[in-house]
Amino acid sequence: MRQLEERIRSWLRRHPLMDGLAWGLAVVACVALLVWFYGFSGFGAPPEFVYEQF
């Protein structure tokens, strides 16, 4: 496993643009997850009462 990790690290050192793109993609994914969670998941909405569902 360490051998694979070292090969990936050495490849990324030789290709700094790909390293930057990978970090950028990770940042975009984390921000998208936060936007979905706070914007579309209903987090923080007041709970519905049982009798309102009928």
C-alpha atoms as a PDB file:
ATOM      1  CA  MET A   1       0.000   0.000   0.000  1.00  0.00           C
ATOM      2  CA  ARG A   2       2.844   2.376   0.791  1.00  0.00           C
ATOM      3  CA  GLN A   3       4.355   1.683  -2.590  1.00  0.00           C
ATOM      4  CA  LEU A   4       1.162   2.756  -4.337  1.00  0.00           C
ATOM      5  CA  GLU A   5       0.937   5.858  -2.160  1.00  0.00           C
ATOM      6  CA  GLU A   6       4.517   6.814  -3.000  1.00  0.00           C
ATOM      7  CA  ARG A   7       3.905   6.306  -6.717  1.00  0.00           C
ATOM      8  CA  ILE A   8       0.836   8.562  -6.588  1.00  0.00           C
ATOM      9  CA  ARG A   9       2.677  11.216  -4.589  1.00  0.00           C
ATOM     10  CA  SER A  10       5.619  11.224  -6.972  1.00  0.00           C
ATOM     11  CA  TRP A  11       3.278  11.477  -9.976  1.00  0.00           C
ATOM     12  CA  LEU A  12       1.486  14.427  -8.377  1.00  0.00           C
ATOM     13  CA  ARG A  13       4.819  16.132  -7.663  1.00  0.00           C
ATOM     14  CA  ARG A  14       5.662  15.894 -11.356  1.00  0.00           C
ATOM     15  CA  HIS A  15       2.202  17.224 -12.358  1.00  0.00           C
ATOM     16  CA  PRO A  16       1.399  20.177 -10.087  1.00  0.00           C
ATOM     17  CA  LEU A  17      -1.522  21.267 -12.276  1.00  0.00           C
ATOM     18  CA  MET A  18      -3.314  17.972 -11.674  1.00  0.00           C
ATOM     19  CA  ASP A  19      -2.570  18.294  -7.964  1.00  0.00           C
ATOM     20  CA  GLY A  20      -4.195  21.718  -7.925  1.00  0.00           C
ATOM     21  CA  LEU A  21      -7.184  20.472  -9.904  1.00  0.00           C
ATOM     22  CA  ALA A  22      -7.679  17.589  -7.481  1.00  0.00           C
ATOM     23  CA  TRP A  23      -7.644  19.950  -4.501  1.00  0.00           C
ATOM     24  CA  GLY A  24     -10.018  22.305  -6.316  1.00  0.00           C
ATOM     25  CA  LEU A  25     -12.390  19.446  -7.070  1.00  0.00           C
ATOM     26  CA  ALA A  26     -12.313  18.379  -3.420  1.00  0.00           C
ATOM     27  CA  VAL A  27     -13.154  21.932  -2.312  1.00  0.00           C
ATOM     28  CA  VAL A  28     -16.026  22.186  -4.808  1.00  0.00           C
ATOM     29  CA  ALA A  29     -17.414  18.834  -3.646  1.00  0.00           C
ATOM     30  CA  CYS A  30     -17.312  19.893   0.016  1.00  0.00           C
ATOM     31  CA  VAL A  31     -18.987  23.229  -0.724  1.00  0.00           C
ATOM     32  CA  ALA A  32     -21.654  21.494  -2.827  1.00  0.00           C
ATOM     33  CA  LEU A  33     -22.353  19.106   0.027  1.00  0.00           C
ATOM     34  CA  LEU A  34     -22.748  21.986   2.466  1.00  0.00           C
ATOM     35  CA  VAL A  35     -25.034  23.885   0.080  1.00  0.00           C
ATOM     36  CA  TRP A  36     -27.222  20.833  -0.365  1.00  0.00           C
ATOM     37  CA  PHE A  37     -27.309  20.086   3.359  1.00  0.00           C
ATOM     38  CA  TYR A  38     -28.242  23.580   4.498  1.00  0.00           C
ATOM     39  CA  GLY A  39     -30.253  24.621   1.449  1.00  0.00           C
ATOM     40  CA  PHE A  40     -32.206  21.604   0.310  1.00  0.00           C
ATOM     41  CA  SER A  41     -32.244  18.944   3.024  1.00  0.00           C
ATOM     42  CA  GLY A  42     -34.685  20.633   5.381  1.00  0.00           C
ATOM     43  CA  PHE A  43     -32.133  20.852   8.155  1.00  0.00           C
ATOM     44  CA  GLY A  44     -33.355  23.208  10.858  1.00  0.00           C
ATOM     45  CA  ALA A  45     -36.975  23.190   9.707  1.00  0.00           C
ATOM     46  CA  PRO A  46     -39.500  22.890  12.516  1.00  0.00           C
ATOM     47  CA  PRO A  47     -40.855  19.387  12.942  1.00  0.00           C
ATOM     48  CA  GLU A  48     -44.303  18.624  11.573  1.00  0.00           C
ATOM     49  CA  PHE A  49     -46.956  17.474  13.947  1.00  0.00           C
ATOM     50  CA  VAL A  50     -48.587  14.122  13.312  1.00  0.00           C
ATOM     51  CA  TYR A  51     -52.106  15.526  12.937  1.00  0.00           C
ATOM     52  CA  GLU A  52     -50.978  17.908  10.150  1.00  0.00           C
ATOM     53  CA  GLN A  53     -50.120  14.965   7.921  1.00  0.00           C
ATOM     54  CA  PHE A  54     -53.760  13.811   7.681  1.00  0.00           C
END
